[in-house]
Amino acid sequence: MIRESQIDSLASFLVHSLAARQIIKPKAEEQDLIACVVELMSANFETEAEIDAEADRMTEELARKDPRADPARLRSMIRQRLAEKKGFTL
């Protein structure tokens, strides 16, 4: 899992870079934009972690039922389906 300090650094870099290149024209203070990006990224990583945990649980359950199944492939497929259901892009 990515640390909060890494998310802060990434969000700060993103906002400053976009503003410096005039790709965005901030209507709010940059610190407010950075805080917003941090919130969005944190929520995104949390959702991905939830999907991963659910996929791990389901993979384990299904692998017990059918030992012939390839757990890595099964997990990948379950993960994709869960993400689709939540409208989440992996």
PDB file of N, CA and C in Angstrom:
ATOM      1  N   MET A   1       0.847  -1.180   0.000  1.00  0.00           N
ATOM      2  CA  MET A   1       0.000   0.000   0.000  1.00  0.00           C
ATOM      3  C   MET A   1       0.893   1.243   0.000  1.00  0.00           C
ATOM      4  N   ILE A   2       0.470   2.227  -0.691  1.00  0.00           N
ATOM      5  CA  ILE A   2       1.220   3.472  -0.796  1.00  0.00           C
ATOM      6  C   ILE A   2       1.010   4.295   0.487  1.00  0.00           C
ATOM      7  N   ARG A   3       2.064   4.940   0.931  1.00  0.00           N
ATOM      8  CA  ARG A   3       1.986   5.733   2.163  1.00  0.00           C
ATOM      9  C   ARG A   3       1.368   7.099   1.885  1.00  0.00           C
ATOM     10  N   GLU A   4       0.816   7.677   2.938  1.00  0.00           N
ATOM     11  CA  GLU A   4       0.164   8.988   2.837  1.00  0.00           C
ATOM     12  C   GLU A   4       1.150  10.064   2.377  1.00  0.00           C
ATOM     13  N   SER A   5       2.394   9.980   2.841  1.00  0.00           N
ATOM     14  CA  SER A   5       3.399  10.973   2.437  1.00  0.00           C
ATOM     15  C   SER A   5       3.689  10.877   0.938  1.00  0.00           C
ATOM     16  N   GLN A   6       3.641   9.657   0.397  1.00  0.00           N
ATOM     17  CA  GLN A   6       3.855   9.480  -1.039  1.00  0.00           C
ATOM     18  C   GLN A   6       2.694  10.075  -1.829  1.00  0.00           C
ATOM     19  N   ILE A   7       1.486   9.886  -1.321  1.00  0.00           N
ATOM     20  CA  ILE A   7       0.310  10.460  -1.981  1.00  0.00           C
ATOM     21  C   ILE A   7       0.399  11.982  -1.955  1.00  0.00           C
ATOM     22  N   ASP A   8       0.796  12.545  -0.812  1.00  0.00           N
ATOM     23  CA  ASP A   8       0.948  14.002  -0.697  1.00  0.00           C
ATOM     24  C   ASP A   8       1.963  14.531  -1.710  1.00  0.00           C
ATOM     25  N   SER A   9       3.095  13.858  -1.810  1.00  0.00           N
ATOM     26  CA  SER A   9       4.138  14.284  -2.751  1.00  0.00           C
ATOM     27  C   SER A   9       3.663  14.195  -4.190  1.00  0.00           C
ATOM     28  N   LEU A  10       3.003  13.111  -4.525  1.00  0.00           N
ATOM     29  CA  LEU A  10       2.507  12.916  -5.881  1.00  0.00           C
ATOM     30  C   LEU A  10       1.451  13.964  -6.234  1.00  0.00           C
ATOM     31  N   ALA A  11       0.530  14.222  -5.314  1.00  0.00           N
ATOM     32  CA  ALA A  11      -0.515  15.219  -5.555  1.00  0.00           C
ATOM     33  C   ALA A  11       0.091  16.611  -5.717  1.00  0.00           C
ATOM     34  N   SER A  12       1.047  16.936  -4.880  1.00  0.00           N
ATOM     35  CA  SER A  12       1.713  18.236  -4.961  1.00  0.00           C
ATOM     36  C   SER A  12       2.434  18.386  -6.299  1.00  0.00           C
ATOM     37  N   PHE A  13       3.169  17.360  -6.696  1.00  0.00           N
ATOM     38  CA  PHE A  13       3.878  17.383  -7.974  1.00  0.00           C
ATOM     39  C   PHE A  13       2.899  17.550  -9.135  1.00  0.00           C
ATOM     40  N   LEU A  14       1.813  16.811  -9.092  1.00  0.00           N
ATOM     41  CA  LEU A  14       0.811  16.860 -10.157  1.00  0.00           C
ATOM     42  C   LEU A  14       0.214  18.258 -10.300  1.00  0.00           C
ATOM     43  N   VAL A  15      -0.245  18.827  -9.202  1.00  0.00           N
ATOM     44  CA  VAL A  15      -0.881  20.147  -9.245  1.00  0.00           C
ATOM     45  C   VAL A  15       0.121  21.221  -9.671  1.00  0.00           C
ATOM     46  N   HIS A  16       1.319  21.203  -9.079  1.00  0.00           N
ATOM     47  CA  HIS A  16       2.324  22.212  -9.424  1.00  0.00           C
ATOM     48  C   HIS A  16       2.748  22.101 -10.892  1.00  0.00           C
ATOM     49  N   SER A  17       2.925  20.887 -11.370  1.00  0.00           N
ATOM     50  CA  SER A  17       3.336  20.690 -12.770  1.00  0.00           C
ATOM     51  C   SER A  17       2.266  21.168 -13.743  1.00  0.00           C
ATOM     52  N   LEU A  18       1.029  20.812 -13.473  1.00  0.00           N
ATOM     53  CA  LEU A  18      -0.060  21.227 -14.363  1.00  0.00           C
ATOM     54  C   LEU A  18      -0.235  22.743 -14.354  1.00  0.00           C
ATOM     55  N   ALA A  19      -0.093  23.351 -13.189  1.00  0.00           N
ATOM     56  CA  ALA A  19      -0.226  24.808 -13.092  1.00  0.00           C
ATOM     57  C   ALA A  19       0.961  25.505 -13.768  1.00  0.00           C
ATOM     58  N   ALA A  20       2.162  24.979 -13.580  1.00  0.00           N
ATOM     59  CA  ALA A  20       3.358  25.590 -14.171  1.00  0.00           C
ATOM     60  C   ALA A  20       3.318  25.546 -15.695  1.00  0.00           C
ATOM     61  N   ARG A  21       2.779  24.483 -16.239  1.00  0.00           N
ATOM     62  CA  ARG A  21       2.677  24.353 -17.700  1.00  0.00           C
ATOM     63  C   ARG A  21       1.421  25.017 -18.254  1.00  0.00           C
ATOM     64  N   GLN A  22       0.673  25.607 -17.373  1.00  0.00           N
ATOM     65  CA  GLN A  22      -0.582  26.290 -17.700  1.00  0.00           C
ATOM     66  C   GLN A  22      -1.586  25.351 -18.376  1.00  0.00           C
ATOM     67  N   ILE A  23      -1.526  24.089 -17.978  1.00  0.00           N
ATOM     68  CA  ILE A  23      -2.512  23.119 -18.448  1.00  0.00           C
ATOM     69  C   ILE A  23      -3.813  23.333 -17.683  1.00  0.00           C
ATOM     70  N   ILE A  24      -3.661  23.742 -16.426  1.00  0.00           N
ATOM     71  CA  ILE A  24      -4.832  24.126 -15.635  1.00  0.00           C
ATOM     72  C   ILE A  24      -4.644  25.562 -15.183  1.00  0.00           C
ATOM     73  N   LYS A  25      -5.742  26.234 -15.003  1.00  0.00           N
ATOM     74  CA  LYS A  25      -5.726  27.587 -14.458  1.00  0.00           C
ATOM     75  C   LYS A  25      -6.514  27.531 -13.155  1.00  0.00           C
ATOM     76  N   PRO A  26      -5.807  27.372 -12.042  1.00  0.00           N
ATOM     77  CA  PRO A  26      -6.476  27.187 -10.756  1.00  0.00           C
ATOM     78  C   PRO A  26      -7.396  28.350 -10.394  1.00  0.00           C
ATOM     79  N   LYS A  27      -8.608  27.997  -9.995  1.00  0.00           N
ATOM     80  CA  LYS A  27      -9.559  28.997  -9.520  1.00  0.00           C
ATOM     81  C   LYS A  27      -9.564  29.031  -7.996  1.00  0.00           C
ATOM     82  N   ALA A  28      -8.810  28.118  -7.405  1.00  0.00           N
ATOM     83  CA  ALA A  28      -8.681  28.046  -5.950  1.00  0.00           C
ATOM     84  C   ALA A  28      -7.191  28.023  -5.613  1.00  0.00           C
ATOM     85  N   GLU A  29      -6.893  28.105  -4.345  1.00  0.00           N
ATOM     86  CA  GLU A  29      -5.500  28.041  -3.901  1.00  0.00           C
ATOM     87  C   GLU A  29      -4.923  26.664  -4.236  1.00  0.00           C
ATOM     88  N   GLU A  30      -3.637  26.638  -4.568  1.00  0.00           N
ATOM     89  CA  GLU A  30      -3.008  25.367  -4.924  1.00  0.00           C
ATOM     90  C   GLU A  30      -3.071  24.368  -3.774  1.00  0.00           C
ATOM     91  N   GLN A  31      -2.952  24.845  -2.544  1.00  0.00           N
ATOM     92  CA  GLN A  31      -3.016  23.932  -1.395  1.00  0.00           C
ATOM     93  C   GLN A  31      -4.383  23.252  -1.297  1.00  0.00           C
ATOM     94  N   ASP A  32      -5.438  23.992  -1.640  1.00  0.00           N
ATOM     95  CA  ASP A  32      -6.782  23.407  -1.639  1.00  0.00           C
ATOM     96  C   ASP A  32      -6.911  22.351  -2.734  1.00  0.00           C
ATOM     97  N   LEU A  33      -6.320  22.633  -3.887  1.00  0.00           N
ATOM     98  CA  LEU A  33      -6.339  21.663  -4.986  1.00  0.00           C
ATOM     99  C   LEU A  33      -5.557  20.408  -4.612  1.00  0.00           C
ATOM    100  N   ILE A  34      -4.420  20.610  -3.980  1.00  0.00           N
ATOM    101  CA  ILE A  34      -3.597  19.472  -3.558  1.00  0.00           C
ATOM    102  C   ILE A  34      -4.373  18.618  -2.561  1.00  0.00           C
ATOM    103  N   ALA A  35      -5.045  19.258  -1.615  1.00  0.00           N
ATOM    104  CA  ALA A  35      -5.838  18.515  -0.628  1.00  0.00           C
ATOM    105  C   ALA A  35      -6.941  17.707  -1.308  1.00  0.00           C
ATOM    106  N   CYS A  36      -7.560  18.285  -2.312  1.00  0.00           N
ATOM    107  CA  CYS A  36      -8.615  17.593  -3.052  1.00  0.00           C
ATOM    108  C   CYS A  36      -8.051  16.385  -3.803  1.00  0.00           C
ATOM    109  N   VAL A  37      -6.915  16.567  -4.443  1.00  0.00           N
ATOM    110  CA  VAL A  37      -6.275  15.466  -5.178  1.00  0.00           C
ATOM    111  C   VAL A  37      -5.862  14.359  -4.209  1.00  0.00           C
ATOM    112  N   VAL A  38      -5.356  14.733  -3.045  1.00  0.00           N
ATOM    113  CA  VAL A  38      -4.969  13.746  -2.030  1.00  0.00           C
ATOM    114  C   VAL A  38      -6.186  12.925  -1.613  1.00  0.00           C
ATOM    115  N   GLU A  39      -7.302  13.590  -1.372  1.00  0.00           N
ATOM    116  CA  GLU A  39      -8.530  12.878  -0.992  1.00  0.00           C
ATOM    117  C   GLU A  39      -8.961  11.897  -2.070  1.00  0.00           C
ATOM    118  N   LEU A  40      -8.953  12.354  -3.318  1.00  0.00           N
ATOM    119  CA  LEU A  40      -9.361  11.489  -4.428  1.00  0.00           C
ATOM    120  C   LEU A  40      -8.427  10.295  -4.584  1.00  0.00           C
ATOM    121  N   MET A  41      -7.136  10.548  -4.505  1.00  0.00           N
ATOM    122  CA  MET A  41      -6.171   9.458  -4.663  1.00  0.00           C
ATOM    123  C   MET A  41      -6.267   8.471  -3.506  1.00  0.00           C
ATOM    124  N   SER A  42      -6.426   8.979  -2.295  1.00  0.00           N
ATOM    125  CA  SER A  42      -6.548   8.102  -1.129  1.00  0.00           C
ATOM    126  C   SER A  42      -7.779   7.215  -1.254  1.00  0.00           C
ATOM    127  N   ALA A  43      -8.889   7.809  -1.664  1.00  0.00           N
ATOM    128  CA  ALA A  43     -10.121   7.036  -1.848  1.00  0.00           C
ATOM    129  C   ALA A  43      -9.931   5.978  -2.929  1.00  0.00           C
ATOM    130  N   ASN A  44      -9.218   6.340  -3.990  1.00  0.00           N
ATOM    131  CA  ASN A  44      -8.956   5.402  -5.078  1.00  0.00           C
ATOM    132  C   ASN A  44      -8.127   4.216  -4.590  1.00  0.00           C
ATOM    133  N   PHE A  45      -7.079   4.484  -3.832  1.00  0.00           N
ATOM    134  CA  PHE A  45      -6.234   3.405  -3.316  1.00  0.00           C
ATOM    135  C   PHE A  45      -6.994   2.532  -2.322  1.00  0.00           C
ATOM    136  N   GLU A  46      -7.863   3.136  -1.511  1.00  0.00           N
ATOM    137  CA  GLU A  46      -8.671   2.365  -0.570  1.00  0.00           C
ATOM    138  C   GLU A  46      -9.628   1.437  -1.310  1.00  0.00           C
ATOM    139  N   THR A  47     -10.264   1.951  -2.349  1.00  0.00           N
ATOM    140  CA  THR A  47     -11.181   1.134  -3.141  1.00  0.00           C
ATOM    141  C   THR A  47     -10.436  -0.026  -3.784  1.00  0.00           C
ATOM    142  N   GLU A  48      -9.259   0.253  -4.313  1.00  0.00           N
ATOM    143  CA  GLU A  48      -8.467  -0.812  -4.932  1.00  0.00           C
ATOM    144  C   GLU A  48      -8.073  -1.866  -3.897  1.00  0.00           C
ATOM    145  N   ALA A  49      -7.719  -1.438  -2.696  1.00  0.00           N
ATOM    146  CA  ALA A  49      -7.357  -2.380  -1.634  1.00  0.00           C
ATOM    147  C   ALA A  49      -8.561  -3.239  -1.240  1.00  0.00           C
ATOM    148  N   GLU A  50      -9.751  -2.630  -1.199  1.00  0.00           N
ATOM    149  CA  GLU A  50     -10.968  -3.385  -0.885  1.00  0.00           C
ATOM    150  C   GLU A  50     -11.238  -4.433  -1.958  1.00  0.00           C
ATOM    151  N   ILE A  51     -11.079  -4.040  -3.216  1.00  0.00           N
ATOM    152  CA  ILE A  51     -11.278  -4.975  -4.331  1.00  0.00           C
ATOM    153  C   ILE A  51     -10.270  -6.121  -4.233  1.00  0.00           C
ATOM    154  N   ASP A  52      -9.021  -5.803  -3.939  1.00  0.00           N
ATOM    155  CA  ASP A  52      -7.990  -6.835  -3.810  1.00  0.00           C
ATOM    156  C   ASP A  52      -8.313  -7.804  -2.671  1.00  0.00           C
ATOM    157  N   ALA A  53      -8.740  -7.274  -1.537  1.00  0.00           N
ATOM    158  CA  ALA A  53      -9.066  -8.123  -0.390  1.00  0.00           C
ATOM    159  C   ALA A  53     -10.239  -9.047  -0.712  1.00  0.00           C
ATOM    160  N   GLU A  54     -11.260  -8.505  -1.342  1.00  0.00           N
ATOM    161  CA  GLU A  54     -12.422  -9.306  -1.725  1.00  0.00           C
ATOM    162  C   GLU A  54     -12.025 -10.364  -2.758  1.00  0.00           C
ATOM    163  N   ALA A  55     -11.189  -9.995  -3.715  1.00  0.00           N
ATOM    164  CA  ALA A  55     -10.723 -10.950  -4.731  1.00  0.00           C
ATOM    165  C   ALA A  55      -9.901 -12.062  -4.085  1.00  0.00           C
ATOM    166  N   ASP A  56      -9.056 -11.717  -3.123  1.00  0.00           N
ATOM    167  CA  ASP A  56      -8.264 -12.731  -2.421  1.00  0.00           C
ATOM    168  C   ASP A  56      -9.173 -13.710  -1.682  1.00  0.00           C
ATOM    169  N   ARG A  57     -10.176 -13.168  -0.992  1.00  0.00           N
ATOM    170  CA  ARG A  57     -11.103 -14.011  -0.233  1.00  0.00           C
ATOM    171  C   ARG A  57     -11.863 -14.955  -1.165  1.00  0.00           C
ATOM    172  N   MET A  58     -12.381 -14.406  -2.260  1.00  0.00           N
ATOM    173  CA  MET A  58     -13.145 -15.217  -3.201  1.00  0.00           C
ATOM    174  C   MET A  58     -12.260 -16.255  -3.899  1.00  0.00           C
ATOM    175  N   THR A  59     -11.036 -15.879  -4.230  1.00  0.00           N
ATOM    176  CA  THR A  59     -10.105 -16.804  -4.881  1.00  0.00           C
ATOM    177  C   THR A  59      -9.803 -17.982  -3.966  1.00  0.00           C
ATOM    178  N   GLU A  60      -9.545 -17.674  -2.709  1.00  0.00           N
ATOM    179  CA  GLU A  60      -9.251 -18.722  -1.734  1.00  0.00           C
ATOM    180  C   GLU A  60     -10.436 -19.684  -1.608  1.00  0.00           C
ATOM    181  N   GLU A  61     -11.615 -19.117  -1.541  1.00  0.00           N
ATOM    182  CA  GLU A  61     -12.838 -19.907  -1.411  1.00  0.00           C
ATOM    183  C   GLU A  61     -13.043 -20.812  -2.639  1.00  0.00           C
ATOM    184  N   LEU A  62     -12.895 -20.239  -3.820  1.00  0.00           N
ATOM    185  CA  LEU A  62     -13.101 -21.013  -5.047  1.00  0.00           C
ATOM    186  C   LEU A  62     -11.979 -22.022  -5.290  1.00  0.00           C
ATOM    187  N   ALA A  63     -10.763 -21.694  -4.894  1.00  0.00           N
ATOM    188  CA  ALA A  63      -9.636 -22.614  -5.070  1.00  0.00           C
ATOM    189  C   ALA A  63      -9.802 -23.847  -4.189  1.00  0.00           C
ATOM    190  N   ARG A  64     -10.430 -23.685  -3.033  1.00  0.00           N
ATOM    191  CA  ARG A  64     -10.703 -24.835  -2.172  1.00  0.00           C
ATOM    192  C   ARG A  64     -11.724 -25.765  -2.820  1.00  0.00           C
ATOM    193  N   LYS A  65     -12.697 -25.171  -3.514  1.00  0.00           N
ATOM    194  CA  LYS A  65     -13.738 -25.973  -4.167  1.00  0.00           C
ATOM    195  C   LYS A  65     -13.191 -26.735  -5.373  1.00  0.00           C
ATOM    196  N   ASP A  66     -12.269 -26.113  -6.108  1.00  0.00           N
ATOM    197  CA  ASP A  66     -11.701 -26.745  -7.300  1.00  0.00           C
ATOM    198  C   ASP A  66     -10.184 -26.565  -7.293  1.00  0.00           C
ATOM    199  N   PRO A  67      -9.461 -27.554  -6.774  1.00  0.00           N
ATOM    200  CA  PRO A  67      -8.000 -27.437  -6.677  1.00  0.00           C
ATOM    201  C   PRO A  67      -7.291 -27.345  -8.030  1.00  0.00           C
ATOM    202  N   ARG A  68      -7.970 -27.687  -9.109  1.00  0.00           N
ATOM    203  CA  ARG A  68      -7.351 -27.619 -10.438  1.00  0.00           C
ATOM    204  C   ARG A  68      -7.261 -26.187 -10.958  1.00  0.00           C
ATOM    205  N   ALA A  69      -8.022 -25.288 -10.371  1.00  0.00           N
ATOM    206  CA  ALA A  69      -8.059 -23.895 -10.845  1.00  0.00           C
ATOM    207  C   ALA A  69      -6.719 -23.200 -10.590  1.00  0.00           C
ATOM    208  N   ASP A  70      -6.339 -22.345 -11.511  1.00  0.00           N
ATOM    209  CA  ASP A  70      -5.120 -21.545 -11.380  1.00  0.00           C
ATOM    210  C   ASP A  70      -5.456 -20.316 -10.529  1.00  0.00           C
ATOM    211  N   PRO A  71      -4.950 -20.256  -9.296  1.00  0.00           N
ATOM    212  CA  PRO A  71      -5.314 -19.155  -8.393  1.00  0.00           C
ATOM    213  C   PRO A  71      -4.964 -17.765  -8.930  1.00  0.00           C
ATOM    214  N   ALA A  72      -3.831 -17.633  -9.599  1.00  0.00           N
ATOM    215  CA  ALA A  72      -3.421 -16.314 -10.110  1.00  0.00           C
ATOM    216  C   ALA A  72      -4.389 -15.827 -11.187  1.00  0.00           C
ATOM    217  N   ARG A  73      -4.731 -16.712 -12.095  1.00  0.00           N
ATOM    218  CA  ARG A  73      -5.660 -16.346 -13.177  1.00  0.00           C
ATOM    219  C   ARG A  73      -7.058 -16.087 -12.614  1.00  0.00           C
ATOM    220  N   LEU A  74      -7.465 -16.939 -11.686  1.00  0.00           N
ATOM    221  CA  LEU A  74      -8.771 -16.799 -11.055  1.00  0.00           C
ATOM    222  C   LEU A  74      -8.873 -15.460 -10.327  1.00  0.00           C
ATOM    223  N   ARG A  75      -7.825 -15.107  -9.571  1.00  0.00           N
ATOM    224  CA  ARG A  75      -7.820 -13.834  -8.834  1.00  0.00           C
ATOM    225  C   ARG A  75      -7.903 -12.655  -9.785  1.00  0.00           C
ATOM    226  N   SER A  76      -7.157 -12.735 -10.873  1.00  0.00           N
ATOM    227  CA  SER A  76      -7.162 -11.655 -11.858  1.00  0.00           C
ATOM    228  C   SER A  76      -8.560 -11.457 -12.447  1.00  0.00           C
ATOM    229  N   MET A  77      -9.203 -12.546 -12.790  1.00  0.00           N
ATOM    230  CA  MET A  77     -10.546 -12.454 -13.374  1.00  0.00           C
ATOM    231  C   MET A  77     -11.560 -11.923 -12.359  1.00  0.00           C
ATOM    232  N   ILE A  78     -11.474 -12.420 -11.129  1.00  0.00           N
ATOM    233  CA  ILE A  78     -12.389 -11.957 -10.077  1.00  0.00           C
ATOM    234  C   ILE A  78     -12.170 -10.469  -9.826  1.00  0.00           C
ATOM    235  N   ARG A  79     -10.920 -10.075  -9.769  1.00  0.00           N
ATOM    236  CA  ARG A  79     -10.572  -8.666  -9.531  1.00  0.00           C
ATOM    237  C   ARG A  79     -11.157  -7.765 -10.621  1.00  0.00           C
ATOM    238  N   GLN A  80     -11.031  -8.188 -11.870  1.00  0.00           N
ATOM    239  CA  GLN A  80     -11.586  -7.408 -12.982  1.00  0.00           C
ATOM    240  C   GLN A  80     -13.105  -7.293 -12.874  1.00  0.00           C
ATOM    241  N   ARG A  81     -13.757  -8.395 -12.553  1.00  0.00           N
ATOM    242  CA  ARG A  81     -15.222  -8.387 -12.438  1.00  0.00           C
ATOM    243  C   ARG A  81     -15.692  -7.494 -11.293  1.00  0.00           C
ATOM    244  N   LEU A  82     -15.016  -7.582 -10.154  1.00  0.00           N
ATOM    245  CA  LEU A  82     -15.382  -6.736  -9.014  1.00  0.00           C
ATOM    246  C   LEU A  82     -15.198  -5.258  -9.354  1.00  0.00           C
ATOM    247  N   ALA A  83     -14.117  -4.943 -10.034  1.00  0.00           N
ATOM    248  CA  ALA A  83     -13.861  -3.555 -10.429  1.00  0.00           C
ATOM    249  C   ALA A  83     -14.943  -3.070 -11.387  1.00  0.00           C
ATOM    250  N   GLU A  84     -15.337  -3.907 -12.335  1.00  0.00           N
ATOM    251  CA  GLU A  84     -16.404  -3.537 -13.275  1.00  0.00           C
ATOM    252  C   GLU A  84     -17.708  -3.263 -12.540  1.00  0.00           C
ATOM    253  N   LYS A  85     -18.037  -4.114 -11.570  1.00  0.00           N
ATOM    254  CA  LYS A  85     -19.278  -3.939 -10.807  1.00  0.00           C
ATOM    255  C   LYS A  85     -19.298  -2.615 -10.049  1.00  0.00           C
ATOM    256  N   LYS A  86     -18.127  -2.212  -9.558  1.00  0.00           N
ATOM    257  CA  LYS A  86     -18.030  -0.961  -8.801  1.00  0.00           C
ATOM    258  C   LYS A  86     -17.794   0.244  -9.695  1.00  0.00           C
ATOM    259  N   GLY A  87     -17.650   0.005 -10.996  1.00  0.00           N
ATOM    260  CA  GLY A  87     -17.366   1.112 -11.907  1.00  0.00           C
ATOM    261  C   GLY A  87     -15.980   1.689 -11.681  1.00  0.00           C
ATOM    262  N   PHE A  88     -15.055   0.826 -11.315  1.00  0.00           N
ATOM    263  CA  PHE A  88     -13.699   1.233 -10.958  1.00  0.00           C
ATOM    264  C   PHE A  88     -12.735   0.780 -12.040  1.00  0.00           C
ATOM    265  N   THR A  89     -11.832   1.645 -12.447  1.00  0.00           N
ATOM    266  CA  THR A  89     -10.829   1.306 -13.446  1.00  0.00           C
ATOM    267  C   THR A  89      -9.546   0.894 -12.744  1.00  0.00           C
ATOM    268  N   LEU A  90      -9.077  -0.300 -13.059  1.00  0.00           N
ATOM    269  CA  LEU A  90      -7.827  -0.785 -12.455  1.00  0.00           C
ATOM    270  C   LEU A  90      -6.636  -0.276 -13.230  1.00  0.00           C
TER     271      LEU A  90
END
